[in-house]
């Protein structure tokens, strides 16, 4: 009898456990989605996609799922969600949801309508969202609603109403974290105000800017700093250099961190270079080069190297490039923590996905997976280090052997010079050539030994060779470029220094031949067409015919040199 009672109790407990697990199966994903939706909408999308059958959720959970999916999709800049999902989020939350959920549902419904060009329906939903948010507690939602209404009013010349909504938004006084989460630093320049018009329109636009400036002056310095820096970047995109300078100076006056100040000084130096003030730009760059932040110093050294190279000062440019490499090596350790945090975040998302399939053994699987990942990483690091060491040792040994062979040839030629005075000049020339080759090999050996002895090996041999080829191509005294041997090194350099520009060119225009790629590479480095012809050893007309063929492949109807140069600098 006792055994029967014990078995019955065990079955009841097991049934309750399985039922509770089944009911709460989707709850963790919704909780994590709500946690990430403001700070990291991409992670929120990934977590919500891990729900296998959302249509089987309860009406309340499905409404939460629909609202979070719509919000994360819109905030991450992905394709707009289906109308059915938006309607599901609105229908339930308008009746049963909280004030904040109802306001969010109406806001994103209006957002979808506005992107579809249905501005009247968008305005109606924005107004409903404003009414619902009045009794809510989330100031981020109210900020989004007010700025959306302000932009919509400004687009239809309702400037007084727009100013009122922008004033309401700024009067919320969001914290810096909330300000970054809603991405609100574009409020100073609404997109609808960037269209040129009549004198009356420009006057209204000026008045609106002045009113917004008065409102912004009442905010905290951190928020003002974000607004002015974003405005400076927008002015730089539109080639409005004086306005960009003014905005950067305003941001520098309000910043309280040295790192942000150095960032603004770097940006101001770029503006000075564009406006023909290299003296001030050099002063700003040298000031940033004294920074305690390695990444900022690296940026300053790189910009100074590019400026010196453009002026033909190759030796000084090479020195700045060495400083740049040293500063970049220091950034490896400073970026490690951010990488670890990113890996940890991805691991949390993967753990949530596994929880749907094996929630009973989630702790054991987590421990096993952690041990496996750490062991694999340790093994990969060890194997990579061993392979790198072996490769460098073989390369070092081969280089030393080549130097020994060259020394033997030098000794042999020296003996021949002593025995054959009549052929001394010929042998002397050969001797000088071999000495130069030996010197280059010794420099290569020192580079390899320095790289091998470095604690943090971040500068590869390919990068060193690529930098030498780049400096050799852009040299003003004795430029040289041999496509058969230098093309891959130059392509590697452009991928390093121009954010994978050569890879993007190959992906966007896969039909380009190697000769056509050479013209594109040299043009991107700033060489003229006559300089390209001289460097490649061909006539100028051959370069022009190649440019014409490239223009046809790029879809440029006119095929002019100006269009070709503009397209090369706009490859993304």
Protein backbone atom coordinates (compact mmCIF):
# COMPACT_ATOMS: atom_id res chain seq x y z
CA UNK A 1 0.00 0.00 0.00
CA UNK A 2 2.83 2.37 0.88
CA UNK A 3 4.58 1.50 -2.38
CA UNK A 4 1.38 2.29 -4.34
CA UNK A 5 0.97 5.65 -2.58
CA UNK A 6 4.63 6.51 -3.21
CA UNK A 7 4.34 5.64 -6.92
CA UNK A 8 1.13 7.70 -7.22
CA UNK A 9 2.73 10.72 -5.59
CA UNK A 10 5.77 10.38 -7.86
CA UNK A 11 3.55 10.23 -10.98
CA UNK A 12 1.58 13.31 -9.88
CA UNK A 13 4.77 15.26 -9.17
CA UNK A 14 6.23 14.23 -12.53
CA UNK A 15 3.05 15.27 -14.35
CA UNK A 16 3.05 18.66 -12.61
CA UNK A 17 6.71 19.11 -13.51
CA UNK A 18 6.18 18.33 -17.19
CA UNK A 19 3.10 20.54 -17.41
CA UNK A 20 4.88 23.47 -15.76
CA UNK A 21 7.89 23.00 -18.03
CA UNK A 22 5.63 22.89 -21.10
CA UNK A 23 3.74 26.02 -20.07
CA UNK A 24 6.90 27.98 -19.33
CA UNK A 25 8.79 26.76 -22.34
CA UNK A 26 8.42 29.97 -24.30
CA UNK A 27 8.51 32.37 -21.33
CA UNK A 28 12.35 32.65 -21.09
CA UNK A 29 12.65 33.64 -24.77
CA UNK A 30 10.05 36.38 -24.33
CA UNK A 31 11.78 37.64 -21.19
CA UNK A 32 15.19 37.73 -22.88
CA UNK A 33 13.68 39.34 -25.99
CA UNK A 34 12.22 42.12 -23.83
CA UNK A 35 15.58 42.49 -22.09
CA UNK A 36 17.53 42.92 -25.36
CA UNK A 37 14.96 44.80 -27.49
CA UNK A 38 16.18 48.29 -26.51
CA UNK A 39 19.91 47.77 -26.04
CA UNK A 40 20.59 45.08 -28.69
CA UNK A 41 17.66 44.52 -31.10
CA UNK A 42 19.67 42.10 -33.27
CA UNK A 43 20.08 39.74 -30.31
CA UNK A 44 16.39 40.16 -29.51
CA UNK A 45 15.50 39.05 -33.06
CA UNK A 46 17.74 36.01 -32.70
CA UNK A 47 16.21 35.02 -29.36
CA UNK A 48 12.63 35.42 -30.64
CA UNK A 49 13.40 33.33 -33.74
CA UNK A 50 14.38 30.47 -31.43
CA UNK A 51 10.68 29.96 -30.53
CA UNK A 52 9.76 26.98 -32.68
CA UNK A 53 5.95 27.32 -32.90
CA UNK A 54 4.85 30.82 -31.83
CA UNK A 55 1.32 30.26 -33.15
CA UNK A 56 0.81 27.63 -30.42
CA UNK A 57 1.40 30.14 -27.62
CA UNK A 58 -1.40 31.49 -25.49
CA UNK A 59 -3.09 34.70 -26.76
CA UNK A 60 -1.24 36.79 -24.18
CA UNK A 61 2.16 35.28 -24.97
CA UNK A 62 1.53 35.48 -28.72
CA UNK A 63 0.62 39.18 -28.38
CA UNK A 64 3.86 39.77 -26.44
CA UNK A 65 5.77 37.78 -29.06
CA UNK A 66 4.20 39.80 -31.92
CA UNK A 67 4.91 43.16 -30.26
CA UNK A 68 8.53 42.27 -29.40
CA UNK A 69 9.15 40.89 -32.91
CA UNK A 70 7.76 44.03 -34.58
CA UNK A 71 9.75 46.28 -32.25
CA UNK A 72 13.04 44.36 -32.65
CA UNK A 73 12.64 44.11 -36.44
CA UNK A 74 12.00 47.85 -36.87
CA UNK A 75 14.76 48.90 -34.45
CA UNK A 76 17.39 46.66 -36.08
CA UNK A 77 16.69 48.11 -39.55
CA UNK A 78 15.49 44.85 -41.08
CA UNK A 79 12.68 44.37 -43.58
CA UNK A 80 9.34 45.55 -42.19
CA UNK A 81 7.38 42.77 -40.42
CA UNK A 82 4.19 41.28 -41.95
CA UNK A 83 0.96 43.25 -41.49
CA UNK A 84 -0.63 40.24 -39.79
CA UNK A 85 1.99 40.34 -37.03
CA UNK A 86 1.47 44.08 -36.54
CA UNK A 87 -2.31 43.62 -36.33
CA UNK A 88 -1.92 40.78 -33.81
CA UNK A 89 0.21 43.03 -31.60
CA UNK A 90 -2.32 45.89 -31.80
CA UNK A 91 -5.58 43.95 -31.38
CA UNK A 92 -4.66 42.26 -28.11
CA UNK A 93 -2.65 45.08 -26.52
CA UNK A 94 -5.33 47.71 -27.23
CA UNK A 95 -7.78 45.71 -25.07
CA UNK A 96 -5.71 43.78 -22.52
CA UNK A 97 -2.19 45.23 -22.64
CA UNK A 98 -0.62 47.83 -20.39
CA UNK A 99 -0.49 51.52 -21.34
CA UNK A 100 3.11 51.23 -22.50
CA UNK A 101 2.39 48.10 -24.57
CA UNK A 102 -0.64 49.76 -26.16
CA UNK A 103 1.42 52.89 -26.97
CA UNK A 104 4.22 50.78 -28.50
CA UNK A 105 1.78 48.74 -30.59
CA UNK A 106 0.09 51.87 -31.99
CA UNK A 107 3.46 53.56 -32.58
CA UNK A 108 4.94 50.70 -34.62
CA UNK A 109 1.71 50.31 -36.57
CA UNK A 110 2.01 53.99 -37.48
CA UNK A 111 5.69 53.46 -38.27
CA UNK A 112 4.83 50.68 -40.73
CA UNK A 113 2.12 52.84 -42.33
CA UNK A 114 4.53 55.77 -42.67
CA UNK A 115 7.12 53.61 -44.44
CA UNK A 116 4.37 52.44 -46.81
CA UNK A 117 3.52 56.06 -47.67
CA UNK A 118 0.16 56.05 -45.82
CA UNK A 119 0.78 59.18 -43.77
CA UNK A 120 -2.84 59.82 -42.73
CA UNK A 121 -3.14 56.33 -41.20
CA UNK A 122 0.32 56.81 -39.64
CA UNK A 123 -0.73 60.12 -38.05
CA UNK A 124 -3.92 58.53 -36.63
CA UNK A 125 -1.94 55.69 -35.01
CA UNK A 126 0.74 58.08 -33.69
CA UNK A 127 -2.00 60.13 -32.03
CA UNK A 128 -3.48 56.99 -30.45
CA UNK A 129 0.00 56.09 -29.21
CA UNK A 130 0.41 59.58 -27.74
CA UNK A 131 -2.91 59.26 -25.92
CA UNK A 132 -2.01 55.83 -24.53
CA UNK A 133 1.51 56.89 -23.44
CA UNK A 134 0.08 59.68 -21.27
CA UNK A 135 -0.72 57.09 -18.58
CA UNK A 136 2.43 55.01 -19.18
CA UNK A 137 5.79 55.06 -17.42
CA UNK A 138 8.29 54.40 -20.25
CA UNK A 139 9.83 57.72 -21.29
CA UNK A 140 11.70 56.07 -24.19
CA UNK A 141 8.38 55.17 -25.84
CA UNK A 142 7.05 58.70 -25.38
CA UNK A 143 10.28 60.09 -26.84
CA UNK A 144 9.89 57.97 -30.00
CA UNK A 145 6.23 59.02 -30.35
CA UNK A 146 6.98 62.75 -29.97
CA UNK A 147 9.90 62.70 -32.44
CA UNK A 148 7.86 60.73 -34.98
CA UNK A 149 5.02 63.26 -34.74
CA UNK A 150 7.51 66.14 -34.96
CA UNK A 151 9.10 64.79 -38.13
CA UNK A 152 5.70 64.10 -39.69
CA UNK A 153 4.55 67.66 -38.93
CA UNK A 154 7.80 69.18 -40.20
CA UNK A 155 7.45 67.26 -43.46
CA UNK A 156 4.16 69.08 -44.13
CA UNK A 157 5.44 72.54 -43.02
CA UNK A 158 3.70 72.37 -39.65
CA UNK A 159 6.77 73.87 -37.99
CA UNK A 160 5.07 75.22 -34.88
CA UNK A 161 3.55 71.82 -34.09
CA UNK A 162 6.86 70.12 -34.93
CA UNK A 163 8.75 72.41 -32.55
CA UNK A 164 6.19 71.65 -29.86
CA UNK A 165 6.64 67.90 -30.21
CA UNK A 166 10.44 68.18 -30.31
CA UNK A 167 10.28 70.33 -27.18
CA UNK A 168 8.16 67.67 -25.43
CA UNK A 169 10.66 65.01 -26.45
CA UNK A 170 13.64 66.94 -25.13
CA UNK A 171 11.82 67.93 -21.94
CA UNK A 172 11.72 64.23 -20.99
CA UNK A 173 15.46 64.58 -20.14
CA UNK A 174 16.41 61.01 -20.97
CA UNK A 175 19.53 59.58 -19.41
CA UNK A 176 22.56 59.05 -21.64
CA UNK A 177 21.92 55.29 -21.74
CA UNK A 178 18.27 55.77 -22.75
CA UNK A 179 19.35 58.44 -25.26
CA UNK A 180 21.69 55.93 -26.94
CA UNK A 181 19.05 53.17 -26.86
CA UNK A 182 16.44 55.20 -28.77
CA UNK A 183 19.17 56.51 -31.15
CA UNK A 184 17.89 60.07 -30.71
CA UNK A 185 21.00 62.07 -31.65
CA UNK A 186 19.52 62.95 -35.09
CA UNK A 187 16.79 65.18 -33.66
CA UNK A 188 18.72 68.40 -34.34
CA UNK A 189 18.41 67.88 -38.10
CA UNK A 190 15.12 66.16 -38.99
CA UNK A 191 15.27 64.39 -42.40
CA UNK A 192 12.33 66.43 -43.65
CA UNK A 193 14.32 69.66 -43.23
CA UNK A 194 17.08 68.72 -45.66
CA UNK A 195 15.14 69.63 -48.85
CA UNK A 196 16.04 72.88 -50.61
CA UNK A 197 13.20 75.29 -51.35
CA UNK A 198 12.25 78.91 -51.69
CA UNK A 199 13.56 81.83 -49.64
CA UNK A 200 10.52 81.68 -47.40
CA UNK A 201 11.09 77.99 -46.79
CA UNK A 202 14.74 78.60 -45.91
CA UNK A 203 13.71 81.35 -43.50
CA UNK A 204 11.28 78.98 -41.78
CA UNK A 205 13.99 76.37 -41.65
CA UNK A 206 16.38 78.87 -40.01
CA UNK A 207 13.78 79.81 -37.41
CA UNK A 208 13.18 76.15 -36.64
CA UNK A 209 16.91 75.55 -36.16
CA UNK A 210 17.17 78.52 -33.79
CA UNK A 211 14.20 77.32 -31.74
CA UNK A 212 15.61 73.79 -31.56
CA UNK A 213 18.99 75.18 -30.50
CA UNK A 214 17.32 77.05 -27.62
CA UNK A 215 15.63 73.83 -26.53
CA UNK A 216 18.83 71.80 -26.77
CA UNK A 217 20.76 74.30 -24.65
CA UNK A 218 18.52 73.30 -21.71
CA UNK A 219 19.69 69.67 -21.89
CA UNK A 220 22.63 68.08 -20.09
CA UNK A 221 26.07 68.35 -21.68
CA UNK A 222 26.29 64.64 -22.55
CA UNK A 223 23.13 64.82 -24.67
CA UNK A 224 24.21 68.07 -26.31
CA UNK A 225 27.57 66.54 -27.15
CA UNK A 226 25.92 63.59 -28.93
CA UNK A 227 23.61 65.88 -30.91
CA UNK A 228 26.35 68.27 -32.06
CA UNK A 229 28.74 65.50 -33.08
CA UNK A 230 26.03 63.76 -35.13
CA UNK A 231 25.19 67.09 -36.74
CA UNK A 232 28.87 67.60 -37.63
CA UNK A 233 29.00 64.22 -39.37
CA UNK A 234 25.86 65.07 -41.33
CA UNK A 235 27.34 68.41 -42.38
CA UNK A 236 30.53 66.65 -43.51
CA UNK A 237 28.49 64.23 -45.62
CA UNK A 238 26.91 67.25 -47.35
CA UNK A 239 30.32 69.02 -47.76
CA UNK A 240 29.21 71.88 -45.49
CA UNK A 241 32.63 72.33 -43.86
CA UNK A 242 32.06 75.61 -41.91
CA UNK A 243 28.94 74.16 -40.25
CA UNK A 244 30.80 70.94 -39.48
CA UNK A 245 33.59 72.97 -37.80
CA UNK A 246 31.10 74.89 -35.66
CA UNK A 247 29.30 71.70 -34.55
CA UNK A 248 32.61 69.98 -33.67
CA UNK A 249 33.74 72.94 -31.58
CA UNK A 250 30.41 72.88 -29.72
CA UNK A 251 30.81 69.15 -29.06
CA UNK A 252 34.39 69.66 -27.82
CA UNK A 253 33.24 72.37 -25.41
CA UNK A 254 30.70 70.00 -23.83
CA UNK A 255 32.67 66.76 -23.65
CA UNK A 256 34.03 65.52 -20.32
CA UNK A 257 36.07 62.50 -21.49
CA UNK A 258 39.50 62.63 -23.10
CA UNK A 259 38.70 59.83 -25.52
CA UNK A 260 35.69 61.67 -26.97
CA UNK A 261 37.70 64.88 -27.19
CA UNK A 262 40.43 63.11 -29.18
CA UNK A 263 37.75 61.68 -31.48
CA UNK A 264 36.40 65.18 -32.15
CA UNK A 265 39.93 66.50 -32.75
CA UNK A 266 40.54 63.77 -35.33
CA UNK A 267 37.32 64.67 -37.09
CA UNK A 268 38.19 68.39 -36.99
CA UNK A 269 41.61 67.60 -38.48
CA UNK A 270 39.86 65.87 -41.39
CA UNK A 271 37.73 69.00 -41.91
CA UNK A 272 40.85 71.20 -41.85
CA UNK A 273 42.50 69.03 -44.51
CA UNK A 274 39.40 69.33 -46.68
CA UNK A 275 39.31 73.13 -46.29
CA UNK A 276 43.00 73.68 -47.05
CA UNK A 277 44.32 74.28 -43.53
CA UNK A 278 47.08 71.64 -43.16
CA UNK A 279 48.90 73.54 -40.38
CA UNK A 280 45.98 73.31 -37.97
CA UNK A 281 45.28 69.73 -39.04
CA UNK A 282 48.89 68.76 -38.28
CA UNK A 283 48.67 70.45 -34.87
CA UNK A 284 45.48 68.55 -34.00
CA UNK A 285 46.91 65.22 -35.17
CA UNK A 286 50.09 65.67 -33.14
CA UNK A 287 47.98 66.48 -30.08
CA UNK A 288 45.97 63.27 -30.54
CA UNK A 289 49.22 61.31 -31.05
CA UNK A 290 50.08 62.11 -27.41
CA UNK A 291 46.86 60.43 -26.22
CA UNK A 292 46.86 57.55 -23.74
CA UNK A 293 44.36 55.64 -25.94
CA UNK A 294 46.21 53.37 -28.41
CA UNK A 295 43.40 53.32 -30.98
CA UNK A 296 43.25 57.14 -31.11
CA UNK A 297 47.02 57.34 -31.49
CA UNK A 298 46.88 54.77 -34.30
CA UNK A 299 44.31 56.85 -36.18
CA UNK A 300 46.44 59.99 -35.79
CA UNK A 301 49.63 58.26 -36.99
CA UNK A 302 47.86 56.80 -39.99
CA UNK A 303 46.39 60.16 -41.03
CA UNK A 304 49.80 61.85 -40.65
CA UNK A 305 51.42 59.10 -42.75
CA UNK A 306 48.87 59.58 -45.52
CA UNK A 307 49.39 63.36 -45.47
CA UNK A 308 53.18 63.05 -45.57
CA UNK A 309 52.98 60.49 -48.36
CA UNK A 310 50.81 62.84 -50.40
CA UNK A 311 53.46 65.56 -49.91
CA UNK A 312 56.18 63.20 -51.15
CA UNK A 313 57.90 62.75 -47.76
CA UNK A 314 58.29 58.99 -47.99
CA UNK A 315 60.81 58.54 -45.16
CA UNK A 316 58.73 60.49 -42.65
CA UNK A 317 55.60 58.69 -43.82
CA UNK A 318 57.26 55.32 -43.23
CA UNK A 319 58.21 56.40 -39.70
CA UNK A 320 54.59 57.33 -38.95
CA UNK A 321 53.47 53.98 -40.37
CA UNK A 322 55.77 52.24 -37.89
CA UNK A 323 54.20 54.24 -35.05
CA UNK A 324 50.80 53.27 -36.42
CA UNK A 325 51.71 49.57 -36.37
CA UNK A 326 52.98 49.81 -32.78
CA UNK A 327 49.79 51.56 -31.63
CA UNK A 328 47.60 49.00 -33.40
CA UNK A 329 49.46 46.21 -31.63
CA UNK A 330 48.49 47.75 -28.28
CA UNK A 331 44.81 47.85 -29.25
CA UNK A 332 44.69 44.05 -29.36
CA UNK A 333 44.62 43.71 -25.57
CA UNK A 334 42.19 46.61 -25.11
CA UNK A 335 39.69 45.06 -27.49
CA UNK A 336 39.88 41.61 -25.89
CA UNK A 337 37.29 42.37 -23.21
CA UNK A 338 34.77 43.62 -25.77
CA UNK A 339 35.31 40.45 -27.84
CA UNK A 340 34.80 38.27 -24.78
CA UNK A 341 31.58 40.09 -23.93
CA UNK A 342 30.34 39.58 -27.49
CA UNK A 343 31.18 35.85 -27.34
CA UNK A 344 29.41 35.59 -23.99
CA UNK A 345 26.30 37.27 -25.41
CA UNK A 346 26.21 34.87 -28.38
CA UNK A 347 26.68 31.95 -26.04
CA UNK A 348 23.68 33.06 -23.95
CA UNK A 349 21.53 33.15 -27.10
CA UNK A 350 22.66 29.66 -28.14
CA UNK A 351 21.87 28.38 -24.63
CA UNK A 352 18.33 29.72 -24.96
CA UNK A 353 17.89 27.93 -28.31
CA UNK A 354 19.05 24.63 -26.82
CA UNK A 355 16.61 25.07 -23.94
CA UNK A 356 13.63 24.36 -26.28
CA UNK A 357 14.93 20.88 -27.15
CA UNK A 358 16.61 19.69 -23.93
CA UNK A 359 15.49 21.84 -21.00
CA UNK A 360 15.85 18.93 -18.53
CA UNK A 361 19.63 18.66 -19.09
CA UNK A 362 20.38 22.35 -19.72
CA UNK A 363 22.87 22.71 -16.88
CA UNK A 364 24.82 19.59 -17.82
CA UNK A 365 24.82 20.59 -21.49
CA UNK A 366 25.97 24.10 -20.60
CA UNK A 367 28.92 22.78 -18.58
CA UNK A 368 29.87 20.27 -21.29
CA UNK A 369 29.60 22.86 -24.04
CA UNK A 370 31.68 25.35 -22.04
CA UNK A 371 34.40 22.77 -21.44
CA UNK A 372 34.34 21.73 -25.11
CA UNK A 373 34.53 25.33 -26.34
CA UNK A 374 37.37 26.23 -23.97
CA UNK A 375 39.26 23.05 -24.84
CA UNK A 376 38.77 23.66 -28.56
CA UNK A 377 39.90 27.26 -28.24
CA UNK A 378 42.98 26.20 -26.25
CA UNK A 379 43.78 23.50 -28.82
CA UNK A 380 43.30 25.91 -31.73
CA UNK A 381 45.50 28.52 -30.08
CA UNK A 382 48.21 25.93 -29.40
CA UNK A 383 48.09 24.50 -32.93
CA UNK A 384 48.03 27.96 -34.48
CA UNK A 385 51.00 29.06 -32.40
CA UNK A 386 52.93 25.86 -33.24
CA UNK A 387 52.19 26.24 -36.96
CA UNK A 388 53.17 29.90 -36.90
CA UNK A 389 56.42 29.12 -35.06
CA UNK A 390 57.30 26.32 -37.48
CA UNK A 391 56.51 28.48 -40.50
CA UNK A 392 58.59 31.40 -39.23
CA UNK A 393 61.52 29.15 -38.30
CA UNK A 394 61.53 27.58 -41.77
CA UNK A 395 61.33 30.98 -43.41
CA UNK A 396 64.13 32.28 -41.19
CA UNK A 397 66.30 29.26 -41.92
CA UNK A 398 65.73 29.57 -45.67
CA UNK A 399 66.56 33.27 -45.59
CA UNK A 400 69.77 32.63 -43.69
CA UNK A 401 70.73 29.97 -46.21
CA UNK A 402 70.12 32.37 -49.07
CA UNK A 403 72.30 34.98 -47.36
CA UNK A 404 75.08 32.41 -46.92
CA UNK A 405 74.87 31.50 -50.63
CA UNK A 406 74.99 35.15 -51.59
CA UNK A 407 78.06 35.63 -49.38
CA UNK A 408 79.78 32.73 -51.14
CA UNK A 409 79.05 34.32 -54.51
CA UNK A 410 80.38 37.65 -53.23
CA UNK A 411 83.60 35.98 -52.07
CA UNK A 412 83.97 34.19 -55.42
CA UNK A 413 83.47 37.40 -57.36
CA UNK A 414 85.93 39.19 -55.10
CA UNK A 415 88.53 36.58 -55.96
CA UNK A 416 87.79 36.98 -59.66
CA UNK A 417 88.19 40.74 -59.34
CA UNK A 418 91.61 40.23 -57.76
CA UNK A 419 92.65 37.80 -60.52
CA UNK A 420 91.15 39.67 -63.47
CA UNK A 421 91.79 43.38 -63.16
CA UNK A 422 90.63 43.93 -66.74
CA UNK A 423 87.09 42.80 -65.90
CA UNK A 424 86.99 44.66 -62.59
CA UNK A 425 84.21 47.05 -63.62
CA UNK A 426 81.85 44.27 -64.70
CA UNK A 427 82.47 42.27 -61.58
CA UNK A 428 82.15 45.40 -59.44
CA UNK A 429 78.66 46.01 -60.84
CA UNK A 430 77.66 42.43 -60.13
CA UNK A 431 79.14 42.77 -56.65
CA UNK A 432 77.06 45.89 -55.95
CA UNK A 433 73.90 44.15 -57.17
CA UNK A 434 74.53 41.16 -54.92
CA UNK A 435 75.32 43.46 -51.98
CA UNK A 436 71.97 45.22 -52.48
CA UNK A 437 70.16 41.88 -52.64
CA UNK A 438 71.97 40.72 -49.52
CA UNK A 439 70.99 43.92 -47.69
CA UNK A 440 67.32 43.45 -48.59
CA UNK A 441 67.48 39.84 -47.38
CA UNK A 442 69.06 40.95 -44.08
CA UNK A 443 66.32 43.54 -43.61
CA UNK A 444 63.78 40.78 -44.26
CA UNK A 445 65.51 38.60 -41.64
CA UNK A 446 65.40 41.41 -39.06
CA UNK A 447 61.72 41.94 -39.78
CA UNK A 448 61.03 38.24 -39.32
CA UNK A 449 63.10 38.06 -36.13
CA UNK A 450 61.38 41.14 -34.70
CA UNK A 451 57.96 39.74 -35.53
CA UNK A 452 58.91 36.33 -34.09
CA UNK A 453 60.18 37.79 -30.82
CA UNK A 454 57.13 40.03 -30.29
CA UNK A 455 54.88 39.00 -27.40
CA UNK A 456 51.71 39.88 -29.35
CA UNK A 457 52.31 38.92 -32.97
CA UNK A 458 49.89 41.09 -34.92
CA UNK A 459 52.01 42.31 -37.90
CA UNK A 460 52.29 39.59 -40.53
CA UNK A 461 54.96 39.27 -43.21
CA UNK A 462 52.27 39.79 -45.85
CA UNK A 463 51.29 43.10 -44.22
CA UNK A 464 54.93 44.27 -44.19
CA UNK A 465 55.40 43.35 -47.86
CA UNK A 466 52.09 44.97 -48.73
CA UNK A 467 53.12 48.23 -47.02
CA UNK A 468 56.47 48.19 -48.89
CA UNK A 469 54.71 47.69 -52.23
CA UNK A 470 52.25 50.51 -51.40
CA UNK A 471 55.07 52.94 -50.52
CA UNK A 472 56.93 51.82 -53.64
CA UNK A 473 53.90 52.56 -55.86
CA UNK A 474 53.09 56.00 -54.41
CA UNK A 475 56.75 57.08 -54.21
CA UNK A 476 57.29 60.42 -55.89
CA UNK A 477 60.97 59.82 -56.67
CA UNK A 478 61.27 56.31 -58.10
CA UNK A 479 57.79 54.74 -58.35
CA UNK A 480 57.65 51.12 -59.46
CA UNK A 481 54.90 48.53 -59.90
CA UNK A 482 55.21 45.03 -61.36
CA UNK A 483 51.68 43.59 -61.75
CA UNK A 484 52.74 39.95 -61.93
CA UNK A 485 54.58 40.06 -58.58
CA UNK A 486 53.11 43.08 -56.77
CA UNK A 487 49.36 42.76 -57.52
CA UNK A 488 48.50 40.43 -54.64
CA UNK A 489 50.55 42.48 -52.14
CA UNK A 490 48.91 45.74 -53.27
CA UNK A 491 45.48 44.10 -53.06
CA UNK A 492 46.29 42.90 -49.52
CA UNK A 493 47.34 46.43 -48.50
CA UNK A 494 44.14 47.99 -49.86
CA UNK A 495 42.05 45.44 -47.96
CA UNK A 496 43.94 46.35 -44.76
CA UNK A 497 43.98 50.14 -45.12
CA UNK A 498 40.67 50.74 -46.96
CA UNK A 499 38.32 48.37 -45.09
CA UNK A 500 38.43 45.42 -47.60
CA UNK A 501 38.04 47.76 -50.58
CA UNK A 502 39.63 45.29 -53.04
CA UNK A 503 37.30 42.47 -51.90
CA UNK A 504 34.26 44.73 -52.26
CA UNK A 505 35.41 45.72 -55.78
CA UNK A 506 35.77 42.05 -56.77
CA UNK A 507 32.35 41.17 -55.32
CA UNK A 508 30.57 44.07 -56.97
CA UNK A 509 32.30 43.74 -60.38
CA UNK A 510 33.41 40.10 -60.72
CA UNK A 511 34.01 40.39 -64.50
CA UNK A 512 37.04 42.70 -64.16
CA UNK A 513 40.31 41.26 -65.48
CA UNK A 514 43.61 41.52 -63.64
CA UNK A 515 44.77 44.35 -65.90
CA UNK A 516 41.53 46.25 -65.29
CA UNK A 517 41.89 45.69 -61.54
CA UNK A 518 45.40 47.22 -61.70
CA UNK A 519 43.94 50.42 -63.22
CA UNK A 520 41.24 50.50 -60.49
CA UNK A 521 43.82 49.98 -57.71
CA UNK A 522 46.15 52.72 -58.98
CA UNK A 523 43.23 55.12 -59.48
CA UNK A 524 42.05 54.48 -55.89
CA UNK A 525 45.56 55.34 -54.67
CA UNK A 526 45.21 58.78 -56.31
CA UNK A 527 47.48 58.32 -59.37
CA UNK A 528 46.71 60.22 -62.56
CA UNK A 529 46.17 58.46 -65.88
CA UNK A 530 49.56 59.58 -67.25
CA UNK A 531 51.23 58.32 -64.07
CA UNK A 532 49.44 54.95 -64.50
CA UNK A 533 50.74 54.65 -68.07
CA UNK A 534 54.31 55.47 -67.00
CA UNK A 535 54.11 53.05 -64.06
CA UNK A 536 52.71 50.18 -66.17
CA UNK A 537 55.02 50.88 -69.12
CA UNK A 538 52.22 51.43 -71.64
CA UNK A 539 50.89 54.36 -73.65
CA UNK A 540 48.24 56.73 -72.31
CA UNK A 541 45.77 55.61 -75.00
CA UNK A 542 46.04 52.03 -73.74
CA UNK A 543 45.07 53.21 -70.26
CA UNK A 544 42.13 55.20 -71.71
CA UNK A 545 40.88 52.17 -73.65
CA UNK A 546 41.07 50.06 -70.48
CA UNK A 547 39.14 52.72 -68.54
CA UNK A 548 36.47 52.71 -71.27
CA UNK A 549 36.06 48.93 -70.95
CA UNK A 550 35.82 49.20 -67.15
CA UNK A 551 33.14 51.90 -67.46
CA UNK A 552 31.07 49.60 -69.69
CA UNK A 553 31.29 46.82 -67.10
CA UNK A 554 30.34 49.25 -64.34
CA UNK A 555 27.31 50.48 -66.27
CA UNK A 556 28.62 54.03 -66.86
CA UNK A 557 27.06 55.19 -70.11
CA UNK A 558 29.35 58.17 -70.79
CA UNK A 559 32.57 56.35 -69.97
CA UNK A 560 34.37 59.54 -68.91
CA UNK A 561 37.42 59.66 -66.64
CA UNK A 562 35.55 61.75 -64.06
CA UNK A 563 32.69 59.21 -63.81
CA UNK A 564 35.21 56.38 -63.57
CA UNK A 565 37.15 58.09 -60.76
CA UNK A 566 33.92 58.92 -58.87
CA UNK A 567 32.67 55.34 -59.14
CA UNK A 568 36.01 53.94 -57.89
CA UNK A 569 35.87 56.11 -54.76
CA UNK A 570 32.21 55.14 -54.15
CA UNK A 571 32.68 51.34 -54.19
CA UNK A 572 31.01 49.90 -51.04
